[in-house]
Amino acid sequence: MTLKKGLLQPQLEQFLRDQFDIETIDWRVSSHYQWPSNFTLTADSTEALLEQLLVPYTFVVTMYSNHAAIVSYRYEATGAL
């Protein structure tokens, strides 16, 4: 996957449409995130490539069988109080 310097949202949405047959995307994170420079990501699978892309932004993508996806922030459990 080759990313270009600029807004992350349209690039990630296009990847989800092309690689995972996603039609509807509910974007629940800021639309202002930027990819800093032209760069090529490589991975053994499309799932691994997606994870590699999402981790720096602490995003998670939840995909549904009706060809919809939600892009949201990844929240880690901090343990019991």
C-alpha atoms as a PDB file:
ATOM      1  CA  MET A   1       0.000   0.000   0.000  1.00  0.00           C
ATOM      2  CA  THR A   2       1.371   3.385  -0.969  1.00  0.00           C
ATOM      3  CA  LEU A   3       0.288   6.345   1.125  1.00  0.00           C
ATOM      4  CA  LYS A   4       0.729   9.924   0.060  1.00  0.00           C
ATOM      5  CA  LYS A   5       1.358  12.956   2.225  1.00  0.00           C
ATOM      6  CA  GLY A   6      -2.017  14.373   3.166  1.00  0.00           C
ATOM      7  CA  LEU A   7      -5.280  13.484   4.847  1.00  0.00           C
ATOM      8  CA  LEU A   8      -5.458   9.925   6.152  1.00  0.00           C
ATOM      9  CA  GLN A   9      -9.258   9.523   5.942  1.00  0.00           C
ATOM     10  CA  PRO A  10      -9.688   9.332   2.153  1.00  0.00           C
ATOM     11  CA  GLN A  11      -6.690   7.015   1.806  1.00  0.00           C
ATOM     12  CA  LEU A  12      -7.883   4.639   4.526  1.00  0.00           C
ATOM     13  CA  GLU A  13     -11.443   4.676   3.190  1.00  0.00           C
ATOM     14  CA  GLN A  14     -10.232   3.799  -0.312  1.00  0.00           C
ATOM     15  CA  PHE A  15      -8.136   0.936   1.096  1.00  0.00           C
ATOM     16  CA  LEU A  16     -11.139  -0.440   2.990  1.00  0.00           C
ATOM     17  CA  ARG A  17     -13.321  -0.237  -0.129  1.00  0.00           C
ATOM     18  CA  ASP A  18     -10.720  -1.855  -2.387  1.00  0.00           C
ATOM     19  CA  GLN A  19      -9.423  -4.586  -0.080  1.00  0.00           C
ATOM     20  CA  PHE A  20     -12.405  -5.452   2.141  1.00  0.00           C
ATOM     21  CA  ASP A  21     -15.391  -4.631  -0.098  1.00  0.00           C
ATOM     22  CA  ILE A  22     -16.620  -2.002   2.372  1.00  0.00           C
ATOM     23  CA  GLU A  23     -19.371   0.285   1.046  1.00  0.00           C
ATOM     24  CA  THR A  24     -20.366   2.391   4.082  1.00  0.00           C
ATOM     25  CA  ILE A  25     -17.867   3.858   6.540  1.00  0.00           C
ATOM     26  CA  ASP A  26     -18.816   5.528   9.809  1.00  0.00           C
ATOM     27  CA  TRP A  27     -15.796   7.701  10.623  1.00  0.00           C
ATOM     28  CA  ARG A  28     -15.809   8.307  14.401  1.00  0.00           C
ATOM     29  CA  VAL A  29     -12.375   9.885  14.703  1.00  0.00           C
ATOM     30  CA  SER A  30     -11.110  13.292  13.704  1.00  0.00           C
ATOM     31  CA  SER A  31     -11.036  13.824   9.947  1.00  0.00           C
ATOM     32  CA  HIS A  32      -7.979  16.046  10.333  1.00  0.00           C
ATOM     33  CA  TYR A  33      -5.375  13.294  10.798  1.00  0.00           C
ATOM     34  CA  GLN A  34      -2.535  13.561   8.306  1.00  0.00           C
ATOM     35  CA  TRP A  35      -0.139  11.015   6.847  1.00  0.00           C
ATOM     36  CA  PRO A  36       3.249  12.790   7.112  1.00  0.00           C
ATOM     37  CA  SER A  37       4.976  11.785   3.844  1.00  0.00           C
ATOM     38  CA  ASN A  38       4.846   9.536   0.820  1.00  0.00           C
ATOM     39  CA  PHE A  39       5.483   5.989   2.068  1.00  0.00           C
ATOM     40  CA  THR A  40       4.911   2.375   1.060  1.00  0.00           C
ATOM     41  CA  LEU A  41       3.662  -0.077   3.686  1.00  0.00           C
ATOM     42  CA  THR A  42       4.221  -3.791   3.198  1.00  0.00           C
ATOM     43  CA  ALA A  43       2.878  -6.768   5.129  1.00  0.00           C
ATOM     44  CA  ASP A  44       2.138 -10.473   4.709  1.00  0.00           C
ATOM     45  CA  SER A  45      -1.630  -9.923   4.522  1.00  0.00           C
ATOM     46  CA  THR A  46      -4.136  -7.125   4.054  1.00  0.00           C
ATOM     47  CA  GLU A  47      -5.192  -7.526   7.698  1.00  0.00           C
ATOM     48  CA  ALA A  48      -1.592  -7.078   8.875  1.00  0.00           C
ATOM     49  CA  LEU A  49      -1.191  -4.073   6.605  1.00  0.00           C
ATOM     50  CA  LEU A  50      -4.347  -2.493   8.020  1.00  0.00           C
ATOM     51  CA  GLU A  51      -3.130  -3.079  11.577  1.00  0.00           C
ATOM     52  CA  GLN A  52       0.255  -1.548  10.728  1.00  0.00           C
ATOM     53  CA  LEU A  53      -1.529   1.539   9.430  1.00  0.00           C
ATOM     54  CA  LEU A  54      -3.937   1.885  12.372  1.00  0.00           C
ATOM     55  CA  VAL A  55      -1.609   1.369  15.361  1.00  0.00           C
ATOM     56  CA  PRO A  56       0.183   4.759  15.290  1.00  0.00           C
ATOM     57  CA  TYR A  57      -3.184   6.536  15.318  1.00  0.00           C
ATOM     58  CA  THR A  58      -4.731   4.240  17.975  1.00  0.00           C
ATOM     59  CA  PHE A  59      -7.591   3.505  15.579  1.00  0.00           C
ATOM     60  CA  VAL A  60      -9.585   0.318  15.212  1.00  0.00           C
ATOM     61  CA  VAL A  61     -11.811  -0.698  12.306  1.00  0.00           C
ATOM     62  CA  THR A  62     -14.856  -2.812  13.025  1.00  0.00           C
ATOM     63  CA  MET A  63     -16.220  -4.462   9.882  1.00  0.00           C
ATOM     64  CA  TYR A  64     -19.702  -5.904   9.460  1.00  0.00           C
ATOM     65  CA  SER A  65     -21.139  -8.466   7.064  1.00  0.00           C
ATOM     66  CA  ASN A  66     -23.403  -5.827   5.484  1.00  0.00           C
ATOM     67  CA  HIS A  67     -20.294  -4.178   3.944  1.00  0.00           C
ATOM     68  CA  ALA A  68     -20.178  -1.451   6.582  1.00  0.00           C
ATOM     69  CA  ALA A  69     -17.293  -0.433   8.829  1.00  0.00           C
ATOM     70  CA  ILE A  70     -16.739   1.840  11.789  1.00  0.00           C
ATOM     71  CA  VAL A  71     -13.425   3.618  12.285  1.00  0.00           C
ATOM     72  CA  SER A  72     -13.026   4.561  15.948  1.00  0.00           C
ATOM     73  CA  TYR A  73     -10.394   5.070  18.606  1.00  0.00           C
ATOM     74  CA  ARG A  74      -8.852   2.008  20.246  1.00  0.00           C
ATOM     75  CA  TYR A  75      -9.334   2.042  23.984  1.00  0.00           C
ATOM     76  CA  GLU A  76      -7.246  -0.303  26.107  1.00  0.00           C
ATOM     77  CA  ALA A  77      -8.552  -1.713  29.367  1.00  0.00           C
ATOM     78  CA  THR A  78      -6.553  -0.276  32.264  1.00  0.00           C
ATOM     79  CA  GLY A  79      -7.416  -3.007  34.742  1.00  0.00           C
ATOM     80  CA  ALA A  80      -9.711  -3.271  37.751  1.00  0.00           C
ATOM     81  CA  LEU A  81      -9.930  -0.542  40.347  1.00  0.00           C
END
